Amino acid sequence: MKQAFIALLMLIALNSIAQSNAVAVSDSSKFQLKWNQPHSPLKATVLSAVLPGSGQIFNKKYWKAPIVYAGLGTCIFFISDNTKNYRFWKNSYIAFNDTDLSTNPTGDAEGLSSNQLDANQLYYKKLLDISYMSFLGVYALQIIDANVDAHLFSFDVSSNLSLNYTPVVSPRFTGLHFTLNIH
């Protein structure tokens, strides 16, 4: 327990001491630097937002593009189907409750009560809302996926990775400081 407490205190006191070699760069050139990187996360995000799946293709993850298109296509199918059903039940409900005796519900709605027609209408409205939210979710996830893949494109996953820690005592700071070097 005492060792865990000491380790916790050391982690809390962890500070990074680094030199600042920042060069003053105008805002437009910062954008140019981020956009022109070999695998720019900004470029992957923008491409994926403009044309779904293009961020995955930009990141050379070609197998993900059909998954994106299948997800979006499925959502579009359900949006279309639920819209058609919602409009049918809504028109049947309106036909049943209007004062014109010449309009009556037809098809599957024939012989149902006003409450049943209203329940069916609300059911398909709920499914329609879920379909739209699913579309937005798949669209947002493919943008996030393209961004994360671009960030991790040059990430080294070889077996030569190691983690070393070294205690550092600095006169500018009080306490015990650790630096973690990843080689």
C-alpha atoms as a PDB file:
ATOM      1  CA  MET A   1       0.000   0.000   0.000  1.00  0.00           C
ATOM      2  CA  LYS A   2       2.837   2.347   0.905  1.00  0.00           C
ATOM      3  CA  GLN A   3       4.572   1.632  -2.416  1.00  0.00           C
ATOM      4  CA  ALA A   4       1.368   2.327  -4.333  1.00  0.00           C
ATOM      5  CA  PHE A   5       0.990   5.657  -2.510  1.00  0.00           C
ATOM      6  CA  ILE A   6       4.588   6.639  -3.324  1.00  0.00           C
ATOM      7  CA  ALA A   7       4.082   5.645  -6.969  1.00  0.00           C
ATOM      8  CA  LEU A   8       0.914   7.750  -7.071  1.00  0.00           C
ATOM      9  CA  LEU A   9       2.743  10.759  -5.634  1.00  0.00           C
ATOM     10  CA  MET A  10       5.487  10.337  -8.222  1.00  0.00           C
ATOM     11  CA  LEU A  11       2.942  10.235 -11.040  1.00  0.00           C
ATOM     12  CA  ILE A  12       1.218  13.353  -9.709  1.00  0.00           C
ATOM     13  CA  ALA A  13       4.556  15.159  -9.589  1.00  0.00           C
ATOM     14  CA  LEU A  14       5.327  14.162 -13.183  1.00  0.00           C
ATOM     15  CA  ASN A  15       6.350  17.259 -15.100  1.00  0.00           C
ATOM     16  CA  SER A  16       7.757  17.679 -18.557  1.00  0.00           C
ATOM     17  CA  ILE A  17      10.655  20.015 -19.034  1.00  0.00           C
ATOM     18  CA  ALA A  18      11.104  20.952 -22.640  1.00  0.00           C
ATOM     19  CA  GLN A  19      12.680  23.686 -24.674  1.00  0.00           C
ATOM     20  CA  SER A  20      10.465  25.832 -26.765  1.00  0.00           C
ATOM     21  CA  ASN A  21      11.746  26.046 -30.320  1.00  0.00           C
ATOM     22  CA  ALA A  22       8.534  27.526 -31.635  1.00  0.00           C
ATOM     23  CA  VAL A  23       8.804  29.609 -34.749  1.00  0.00           C
ATOM     24  CA  ALA A  24       6.316  32.394 -35.321  1.00  0.00           C
ATOM     25  CA  VAL A  25       4.090  31.240 -38.157  1.00  0.00           C
ATOM     26  CA  SER A  26       1.077  33.034 -39.553  1.00  0.00           C
ATOM     27  CA  ASP A  27      -2.317  31.361 -39.242  1.00  0.00           C
ATOM     28  CA  SER A  28      -2.634  30.604 -42.964  1.00  0.00           C
ATOM     29  CA  SER A  29       0.725  28.864 -43.089  1.00  0.00           C
ATOM     30  CA  LYS A  30      -0.218  26.733 -40.060  1.00  0.00           C
ATOM     31  CA  PHE A  31      -3.187  25.539 -42.068  1.00  0.00           C
ATOM     32  CA  GLN A  32      -0.939  24.867 -45.074  1.00  0.00           C
ATOM     33  CA  LEU A  33       1.482  22.878 -42.913  1.00  0.00           C
ATOM     34  CA  LYS A  34      -1.319  20.745 -41.482  1.00  0.00           C
ATOM     35  CA  TRP A  35      -2.973  20.266 -44.873  1.00  0.00           C
ATOM     36  CA  ASN A  36       0.222  19.308 -46.730  1.00  0.00           C
ATOM     37  CA  GLN A  37       1.453  16.626 -44.328  1.00  0.00           C
ATOM     38  CA  PRO A  38       1.922  13.202 -45.953  1.00  0.00           C
ATOM     39  CA  HIS A  39      -1.060  11.793 -44.063  1.00  0.00           C
ATOM     40  CA  SER A  40      -2.734  14.875 -42.728  1.00  0.00           C
ATOM     41  CA  PRO A  41      -5.548  14.213 -40.238  1.00  0.00           C
ATOM     42  CA  LEU A  42      -7.098  17.501 -41.337  1.00  0.00           C
ATOM     43  CA  LYS A  43      -7.155  16.409 -44.976  1.00  0.00           C
ATOM     44  CA  ALA A  44      -8.570  12.987 -44.093  1.00  0.00           C
ATOM     45  CA  THR A  45     -11.303  14.598 -41.994  1.00  0.00           C
ATOM     46  CA  VAL A  46     -12.287  17.116 -44.665  1.00  0.00           C
ATOM     47  CA  LEU A  47     -12.267  14.496 -47.419  1.00  0.00           C
ATOM     48  CA  SER A  48     -14.388  12.159 -45.327  1.00  0.00           C
ATOM     49  CA  ALA A  49     -16.849  14.920 -44.454  1.00  0.00           C
ATOM     50  CA  VAL A  50     -17.248  16.000 -48.095  1.00  0.00           C
ATOM     51  CA  LEU A  51     -17.444  12.513 -49.611  1.00  0.00           C
ATOM     52  CA  PRO A  52     -18.039   9.662 -47.163  1.00  0.00           C
ATOM     53  CA  GLY A  53     -15.428   6.941 -47.495  1.00  0.00           C
ATOM     54  CA  SER A  54     -12.847   9.143 -49.196  1.00  0.00           C
ATOM     55  CA  GLY A  55     -10.979   9.689 -45.924  1.00  0.00           C
ATOM     56  CA  GLN A  56     -10.599   5.921 -45.554  1.00  0.00           C
ATOM     57  CA  ILE A  57      -9.321   5.692 -49.144  1.00  0.00           C
ATOM     58  CA  PHE A  58      -6.908   8.597 -48.468  1.00  0.00           C
ATOM     59  CA  ASN A  59      -5.558   6.636 -45.476  1.00  0.00           C
ATOM     60  CA  LYS A  60      -5.090   3.561 -47.698  1.00  0.00           C
ATOM     61  CA  LYS A  61      -7.715   1.599 -45.734  1.00  0.00           C
ATOM     62  CA  TYR A  62      -9.572   0.603 -48.886  1.00  0.00           C
ATOM     63  CA  TRP A  63     -11.493  -2.215 -47.198  1.00  0.00           C
ATOM     64  CA  LYS A  64     -13.321   0.290 -44.960  1.00  0.00           C
ATOM     65  CA  ALA A  65     -14.940   2.257 -47.797  1.00  0.00           C
ATOM     66  CA  PRO A  66     -17.478  -0.479 -48.723  1.00  0.00           C
ATOM     67  CA  ILE A  67     -18.408  -0.773 -45.043  1.00  0.00           C
ATOM     68  CA  VAL A  68     -19.071   2.977 -44.908  1.00  0.00           C
ATOM     69  CA  TYR A  69     -21.180   2.821 -48.080  1.00  0.00           C
ATOM     70  CA  ALA A  70     -23.094  -0.226 -46.811  1.00  0.00           C
ATOM     71  CA  GLY A  71     -23.835   1.506 -43.503  1.00  0.00           C
ATOM     72  CA  LEU A  72     -25.001   4.722 -45.133  1.00  0.00           C
ATOM     73  CA  GLY A  73     -26.962   2.822 -47.801  1.00  0.00           C
ATOM     74  CA  THR A  74     -28.744   0.754 -45.164  1.00  0.00           C
ATOM     75  CA  CYS A  75     -29.687   3.909 -43.275  1.00  0.00           C
ATOM     76  CA  ILE A  76     -30.988   5.519 -46.485  1.00  0.00           C
ATOM     77  CA  PHE A  77     -33.077   2.403 -47.228  1.00  0.00           C
ATOM     78  CA  PHE A  78     -34.675   2.513 -43.780  1.00  0.00           C
ATOM     79  CA  ILE A  79     -35.257   6.277 -44.040  1.00  0.00           C
ATOM     80  CA  SER A  80     -37.071   5.740 -47.351  1.00  0.00           C
ATOM     81  CA  ASP A  81     -39.122   2.768 -46.107  1.00  0.00           C
ATOM     82  CA  ASN A  82     -40.097   4.416 -42.817  1.00  0.00           C
ATOM     83  CA  THR A  83     -41.009   7.661 -44.604  1.00  0.00           C
ATOM     84  CA  LYS A  84     -43.328   5.749 -46.958  1.00  0.00           C
ATOM     85  CA  ASN A  85     -44.994   3.895 -44.058  1.00  0.00           C
ATOM     86  CA  TYR A  86     -45.275   7.027 -41.915  1.00  0.00           C
ATOM     87  CA  ARG A  87     -46.967   8.947 -44.725  1.00  0.00           C
ATOM     88  CA  PHE A  88     -49.379   6.063 -45.367  1.00  0.00           C
ATOM     89  CA  TRP A  89     -50.481   5.844 -41.727  1.00  0.00           C
ATOM     90  CA  LYS A  90     -50.600   9.633 -41.368  1.00  0.00           C
ATOM     91  CA  ASN A  91     -52.827   9.996 -44.459  1.00  0.00           C
ATOM     92  CA  SER A  92     -55.029   7.133 -43.226  1.00  0.00           C
ATOM     93  CA  TYR A  93     -55.396   8.833 -39.836  1.00  0.00           C
ATOM     94  CA  ILE A  94     -56.289  12.132 -41.513  1.00  0.00           C
ATOM     95  CA  ALA A  95     -58.771  10.386 -43.854  1.00  0.00           C
ATOM     96  CA  PHE A  96     -60.460   8.680 -40.908  1.00  0.00           C
ATOM     97  CA  ASN A  97     -60.771  11.852 -38.814  1.00  0.00           C
ATOM     98  CA  ASP A  98     -61.742  14.432 -41.435  1.00  0.00           C
ATOM     99  CA  THR A  99     -65.357  15.479 -41.929  1.00  0.00           C
ATOM    100  CA  ASP A 100     -65.504  14.371 -45.569  1.00  0.00           C
ATOM    101  CA  LEU A 101     -67.426  11.085 -45.715  1.00  0.00           C
ATOM    102  CA  SER A 102     -66.042  10.197 -49.156  1.00  0.00           C
ATOM    103  CA  THR A 103     -62.505   9.675 -47.801  1.00  0.00           C
ATOM    104  CA  ASN A 104     -61.878   6.464 -45.889  1.00  0.00           C
ATOM    105  CA  PRO A 105     -58.691   4.628 -44.976  1.00  0.00           C
ATOM    106  CA  THR A 106     -57.712   1.956 -47.491  1.00  0.00           C
ATOM    107  CA  GLY A 107     -55.457  -1.086 -47.576  1.00  0.00           C
ATOM    108  CA  ASP A 108     -54.029  -2.186 -44.245  1.00  0.00           C
ATOM    109  CA  ALA A 109     -55.689   0.757 -42.491  1.00  0.00           C
ATOM    110  CA  GLU A 110     -59.206  -0.278 -43.452  1.00  0.00           C
ATOM    111  CA  GLY A 111     -61.331  -1.177 -40.422  1.00  0.00           C
ATOM    112  CA  LEU A 112     -58.905   0.183 -37.800  1.00  0.00           C
ATOM    113  CA  SER A 113     -59.943   2.690 -35.151  1.00  0.00           C
ATOM    114  CA  SER A 114     -58.605   6.223 -34.842  1.00  0.00           C
ATOM    115  CA  ASN A 115     -56.418   5.211 -31.875  1.00  0.00           C
ATOM    116  CA  GLN A 116     -54.886   2.313 -33.806  1.00  0.00           C
ATOM    117  CA  LEU A 117     -54.171   4.536 -36.805  1.00  0.00           C
ATOM    118  CA  ASP A 118     -52.579   7.131 -34.538  1.00  0.00           C
ATOM    119  CA  ALA A 119     -50.466   4.471 -32.794  1.00  0.00           C
ATOM    120  CA  ASN A 120     -49.193   3.154 -36.150  1.00  0.00           C
ATOM    121  CA  GLN A 121     -48.426   6.684 -37.300  1.00  0.00           C
ATOM    122  CA  LEU A 122     -46.444   7.442 -34.126  1.00  0.00           C
ATOM    123  CA  TYR A 123     -44.614   4.094 -34.371  1.00  0.00           C
ATOM    124  CA  TYR A 124     -43.323   4.836 -37.879  1.00  0.00           C
ATOM    125  CA  LYS A 125     -42.495   8.411 -36.907  1.00  0.00           C
ATOM    126  CA  LYS A 126     -40.309   7.010 -34.114  1.00  0.00           C
ATOM    127  CA  LEU A 127     -38.629   4.572 -36.531  1.00  0.00           C
ATOM    128  CA  LEU A 128     -38.067   7.424 -38.991  1.00  0.00           C
ATOM    129  CA  ASP A 129     -36.366   9.493 -36.297  1.00  0.00           C
ATOM    130  CA  ILE A 130     -34.172   6.521 -35.342  1.00  0.00           C
ATOM    131  CA  SER A 131     -33.240   6.034 -39.001  1.00  0.00           C
ATOM    132  CA  TYR A 132     -32.128   9.664 -39.333  1.00  0.00           C
ATOM    133  CA  MET A 133     -30.125   9.477 -36.113  1.00  0.00           C
ATOM    134  CA  SER A 134     -28.498   6.242 -37.320  1.00  0.00           C
ATOM    135  CA  PHE A 135     -27.515   7.943 -40.583  1.00  0.00           C
ATOM    136  CA  LEU A 136     -25.938  10.840 -38.677  1.00  0.00           C
ATOM    137  CA  GLY A 137     -24.170   8.377 -36.370  1.00  0.00           C
ATOM    138  CA  VAL A 138     -22.659   6.353 -39.227  1.00  0.00           C
ATOM    139  CA  TYR A 139     -21.663   9.585 -41.009  1.00  0.00           C
ATOM    140  CA  ALA A 140     -19.974  10.974 -37.883  1.00  0.00           C
ATOM    141  CA  LEU A 141     -18.242   7.672 -37.100  1.00  0.00           C
ATOM    142  CA  GLN A 142     -16.688   7.424 -40.542  1.00  0.00           C
ATOM    143  CA  ILE A 143     -15.326  10.977 -40.174  1.00  0.00           C
ATOM    144  CA  ILE A 144     -13.873  10.144 -36.756  1.00  0.00           C
ATOM    145  CA  ASP A 145     -12.438   6.890 -38.118  1.00  0.00           C
ATOM    146  CA  ALA A 146     -10.676   8.723 -40.966  1.00  0.00           C
ATOM    147  CA  ASN A 147      -9.220  11.259 -38.531  1.00  0.00           C
ATOM    148  CA  VAL A 148      -7.948   8.623 -36.092  1.00  0.00           C
ATOM    149  CA  ASP A 149      -6.493   6.481 -38.893  1.00  0.00           C
ATOM    150  CA  ALA A 150      -4.615   9.494 -40.257  1.00  0.00           C
ATOM    151  CA  HIS A 151      -3.210  10.250 -36.794  1.00  0.00           C
ATOM    152  CA  LEU A 152      -2.089   6.642 -36.353  1.00  0.00           C
ATOM    153  CA  PHE A 153      -0.877   6.104 -39.931  1.00  0.00           C
ATOM    154  CA  SER A 154       2.814   6.450 -39.067  1.00  0.00           C
ATOM    155  CA  PHE A 155       2.515   4.949 -35.583  1.00  0.00           C
ATOM    156  CA  ASP A 156       5.315   2.450 -34.982  1.00  0.00           C
ATOM    157  CA  VAL A 157       4.049  -0.932 -33.827  1.00  0.00           C
ATOM    158  CA  SER A 158       7.277  -2.862 -34.317  1.00  0.00           C
ATOM    159  CA  SER A 159       8.749  -5.142 -31.668  1.00  0.00           C
ATOM    160  CA  ASN A 160      11.610  -2.668 -31.014  1.00  0.00           C
ATOM    161  CA  LEU A 161       9.543  -0.487 -28.702  1.00  0.00           C
ATOM    162  CA  SER A 162      10.701  -0.045 -25.106  1.00  0.00           C
ATOM    163  CA  LEU A 163       9.803   2.115 -22.154  1.00  0.00           C
ATOM    164  CA  ASN A 164      12.435   3.508 -19.789  1.00  0.00           C
ATOM    165  CA  TYR A 165      12.040   5.789 -16.840  1.00  0.00           C
ATOM    166  CA  THR A 166      14.700   7.897 -15.192  1.00  0.00           C
ATOM    167  CA  PRO A 167      14.490   9.970 -12.036  1.00  0.00           C
ATOM    168  CA  VAL A 168      15.360  13.637 -12.568  1.00  0.00           C
ATOM    169  CA  VAL A 169      16.059  16.222  -9.904  1.00  0.00           C
ATOM    170  CA  SER A 170      15.632  19.792 -11.058  1.00  0.00           C
ATOM    171  CA  PRO A 171      16.493  22.885  -8.996  1.00  0.00           C
ATOM    172  CA  ARG A 172      13.540  24.740 -10.528  1.00  0.00           C
ATOM    173  CA  PHE A 173      10.937  22.327  -9.188  1.00  0.00           C
ATOM    174  CA  THR A 174      10.439  20.740  -5.813  1.00  0.00           C
ATOM    175  CA  GLY A 175       9.836  17.033  -5.433  1.00  0.00           C
ATOM    176  CA  LEU A 176      10.878  14.021  -7.354  1.00  0.00           C
ATOM    177  CA  HIS A 177      10.323  14.122 -11.118  1.00  0.00           C
ATOM    178  CA  PHE A 178      10.344  11.295 -13.615  1.00  0.00           C
ATOM    179  CA  THR A 179      10.881  11.463 -17.331  1.00  0.00           C
ATOM    180  CA  LEU A 180       9.611   8.718 -19.548  1.00  0.00           C
ATOM    181  CA  ASN A 181      11.536   8.071 -22.723  1.00  0.00           C
ATOM    182  CA  ILE A 182      10.028   5.870 -25.393  1.00  0.00           C
ATOM    183  CA  HIS A 183      12.631   4.458 -27.738  1.00  0.00           C
END
